[in-house]
């Protein structure tokens, strides 16, 4: 687990909320990634889950949708007082959006060996190369977040194995 901040009880509570968003994504056939944005007072100001398949939008990742919602509701794009909780390490696009939004902190559940851009690859949001850095804590409810993703993909593979062959 990579961390620059310490995990708190609040981190666990908000990650559970992000996991609930992940469940909603899975119920729609979306990759189960959920996110919540929380203000300095502990209020959830935005929540979202992946909607790429539903909306035919490659940018409809949970993090981006949560940032859009919070920016709209708060009527500002600088979200420097907010913490993002997300079940999977953000990709390059999402980590870049978090830098542009000036997020204060990012807390994620499990790393993404293929596309994770905060700690696994690139260091987006933690490197001094960019104009903003955010605090981050990794591994909050890691086993639960990983299990949610693995269960979804196992079911997807099983469904493909039992599907009747295509006739073209």
Protein backbone atom coordinates (compact mmCIF):
# COMPACT_ATOMS: atom_id res chain seq x y z
CA UNK A 1 0.00 0.00 0.00
CA UNK A 2 1.32 3.41 -0.99
CA UNK A 3 0.24 6.28 1.18
CA UNK A 4 1.23 9.82 1.92
CA UNK A 5 -1.56 10.25 4.44
CA UNK A 6 -2.94 8.13 7.20
CA UNK A 7 -6.19 6.22 6.83
CA UNK A 8 -8.93 7.40 9.17
CA UNK A 9 -12.25 5.97 10.26
CA UNK A 10 -13.91 8.59 8.03
CA UNK A 11 -11.92 7.20 5.08
CA UNK A 12 -13.52 3.81 5.65
CA UNK A 13 -17.02 5.30 5.90
CA UNK A 14 -16.68 7.29 2.67
CA UNK A 15 -15.07 4.39 0.83
CA UNK A 16 -18.10 2.29 1.78
CA UNK A 17 -20.21 4.96 0.05
CA UNK A 18 -17.99 4.71 -3.02
CA UNK A 19 -18.44 0.92 -2.97
CA UNK A 20 -22.23 1.44 -2.99
CA UNK A 21 -21.78 3.56 -6.12
CA UNK A 22 -19.74 0.72 -7.58
CA UNK A 23 -22.63 -1.66 -6.91
CA UNK A 24 -24.95 0.68 -8.84
CA UNK A 25 -22.53 0.67 -11.75
CA UNK A 26 -22.35 -3.13 -11.79
CA UNK A 27 -26.16 -3.36 -11.75
CA UNK A 28 -26.13 -1.36 -14.99
CA UNK A 29 -23.48 -3.55 -16.59
CA UNK A 30 -20.81 -0.92 -16.02
CA UNK A 31 -17.35 -1.58 -14.59
CA UNK A 32 -18.01 -1.17 -10.85
CA UNK A 33 -16.07 1.94 -9.99
CA UNK A 34 -17.68 4.38 -7.61
CA UNK A 35 -16.63 7.78 -6.30
CA UNK A 36 -17.75 10.34 -3.75
CA UNK A 37 -16.49 13.88 -3.16
CA UNK A 38 -16.51 15.07 0.44
CA UNK A 39 -16.05 18.61 1.77
CA UNK A 40 -14.03 19.70 4.80
CA UNK A 41 -17.10 19.31 7.04
CA UNK A 42 -17.67 15.68 6.06
CA UNK A 43 -20.61 16.32 3.74
CA UNK A 44 -20.80 14.30 0.55
CA UNK A 45 -21.17 16.95 -2.15
CA UNK A 46 -21.17 14.59 -5.15
CA UNK A 47 -21.38 10.89 -5.89
CA UNK A 48 -21.06 9.02 -9.15
CA UNK A 49 -20.25 5.71 -10.77
CA UNK A 50 -18.98 4.67 -14.17
CA UNK A 51 -21.43 5.29 -17.01
CA UNK A 52 -19.29 4.77 -20.10
CA UNK A 53 -21.39 1.95 -21.53
CA UNK A 54 -24.70 3.57 -20.64
CA UNK A 55 -23.86 6.97 -22.11
CA UNK A 56 -21.49 5.87 -24.89
CA UNK A 57 -19.04 8.37 -23.42
CA UNK A 58 -15.40 7.35 -22.96
CA UNK A 59 -14.95 10.13 -20.39
CA UNK A 60 -17.85 9.02 -18.16
CA UNK A 61 -15.61 7.65 -15.42
CA UNK A 62 -16.86 7.89 -11.84
CA UNK A 63 -14.24 10.49 -10.89
CA UNK A 64 -14.97 12.80 -13.82
CA UNK A 65 -18.72 12.57 -13.28
CA UNK A 66 -18.32 13.36 -9.57
CA UNK A 67 -16.09 16.35 -10.38
CA UNK A 68 -18.60 17.65 -12.94
CA UNK A 69 -21.46 17.30 -10.48
CA UNK A 70 -19.62 19.04 -7.64
CA UNK A 71 -18.40 21.85 -9.89
CA UNK A 72 -21.90 22.41 -11.19
CA UNK A 73 -23.56 22.33 -7.77
CA UNK A 74 -20.86 24.47 -6.09
CA UNK A 75 -20.63 26.79 -9.12
CA UNK A 76 -16.83 26.63 -9.25
CA UNK A 77 -14.23 24.44 -10.85
CA UNK A 78 -11.56 24.81 -8.19
CA UNK A 79 -12.36 22.08 -5.68
CA UNK A 80 -9.35 22.62 -3.45
CA UNK A 81 -11.29 21.87 -0.26
CA UNK A 82 -12.63 18.47 -1.39
CA UNK A 83 -11.46 14.89 -0.96
CA UNK A 84 -12.27 12.28 -3.59
CA UNK A 85 -12.90 8.70 -2.49
CA UNK A 86 -12.78 6.21 -5.36
CA UNK A 87 -12.71 2.44 -5.39
CA UNK A 88 -9.98 2.12 -8.05
CA UNK A 89 -6.78 4.10 -8.56
CA UNK A 90 -7.52 6.91 -11.03
CA UNK A 91 -6.39 6.63 -14.65
CA UNK A 92 -4.42 9.34 -16.47
CA UNK A 93 -7.57 11.21 -17.52
CA UNK A 94 -9.11 11.16 -14.05
CA UNK A 95 -5.88 11.98 -12.23
CA UNK A 96 -5.36 14.87 -14.66
CA UNK A 97 -8.89 16.12 -13.99
CA UNK A 98 -8.18 15.98 -10.25
CA UNK A 99 -5.06 18.09 -10.79
CA UNK A 100 -7.04 20.60 -12.87
CA UNK A 101 -9.78 20.73 -10.20
CA UNK A 102 -7.10 21.30 -7.56
CA UNK A 103 -8.45 18.45 -5.41
CA UNK A 104 -7.07 18.51 -1.89
CA UNK A 105 -6.85 14.76 -1.39
CA UNK A 106 -7.49 11.50 -3.23
CA UNK A 107 -8.26 8.27 -1.39
CA UNK A 108 -8.51 5.09 -3.41
CA UNK A 109 -9.26 1.49 -2.63
CA UNK A 110 -7.17 -0.69 -4.90
CA UNK A 111 -4.38 0.02 -7.33
CA UNK A 112 -4.84 -0.47 -11.05
CA UNK A 113 -1.87 -2.34 -12.52
CA UNK A 114 -2.93 -1.55 -16.10
CA UNK A 115 -4.11 2.05 -15.98
CA UNK A 116 -3.43 3.49 -12.51
CA UNK A 117 -1.79 6.88 -12.97
CA UNK A 118 -1.30 8.16 -9.41
CA UNK A 119 1.05 5.60 -7.86
CA UNK A 120 1.27 2.66 -10.28
CA UNK A 121 2.30 4.68 -13.36
CA UNK A 122 3.14 8.33 -14.07
CA UNK A 123 2.73 9.92 -10.60
CA UNK A 124 -0.02 12.28 -11.78
CA UNK A 125 -1.02 14.41 -8.82
CA UNK A 126 1.99 13.56 -6.71
CA UNK A 127 4.89 14.59 -8.94
CA UNK A 128 6.30 18.09 -8.78
CA UNK A 129 6.24 18.24 -12.59
CA UNK A 130 2.63 19.50 -12.64
CA UNK A 131 1.33 22.74 -11.15
CA UNK A 132 -0.76 21.03 -8.45
CA UNK A 133 -0.27 18.08 -6.16
CA UNK A 134 -2.84 16.37 -3.98
CA UNK A 135 -2.47 14.30 -0.86
CA UNK A 136 -3.32 10.67 -1.38
CA UNK A 137 -4.05 7.59 0.62
CA UNK A 138 -4.20 4.20 -1.04
CA UNK A 139 -5.52 0.84 0.08
CA UNK A 140 -8.63 1.89 2.00
CA UNK A 141 -10.94 -1.16 1.99
CA UNK A 142 -8.58 -2.54 -0.63
CA UNK A 143 -9.80 -6.14 -0.40
CA UNK A 144 -13.45 -5.12 -0.76
CA UNK A 145 -12.74 -2.82 -3.71
CA UNK A 146 -10.65 -5.47 -5.48
CA UNK A 147 -13.28 -8.17 -4.79
CA UNK A 148 -16.02 -5.99 -6.30
CA UNK A 149 -14.05 -5.61 -9.53
CA UNK A 150 -12.94 -9.24 -9.67
CA UNK A 151 -16.47 -10.50 -9.10
CA UNK A 152 -17.80 -8.30 -11.91
CA UNK A 153 -15.19 -9.47 -14.42
CA UNK A 154 -15.55 -13.13 -13.39
CA UNK A 155 -19.30 -12.92 -14.04
CA UNK A 156 -18.66 -11.21 -17.38
CA UNK A 157 -16.24 -13.98 -18.44
CA UNK A 158 -18.67 -16.68 -17.30
CA UNK A 159 -21.49 -15.10 -19.30
CA UNK A 160 -19.33 -15.03 -22.41
CA UNK A 161 -18.47 -18.73 -21.99
CA UNK A 162 -22.14 -19.71 -21.78
CA UNK A 163 -23.38 -17.40 -24.55
CA UNK A 164 -24.56 -19.16 -27.72
CA UNK A 165 -22.15 -18.83 -30.65
CA UNK A 166 -22.69 -15.89 -32.98
CA UNK A 167 -24.07 -16.62 -36.39
CA UNK A 168 -23.13 -14.01 -38.96
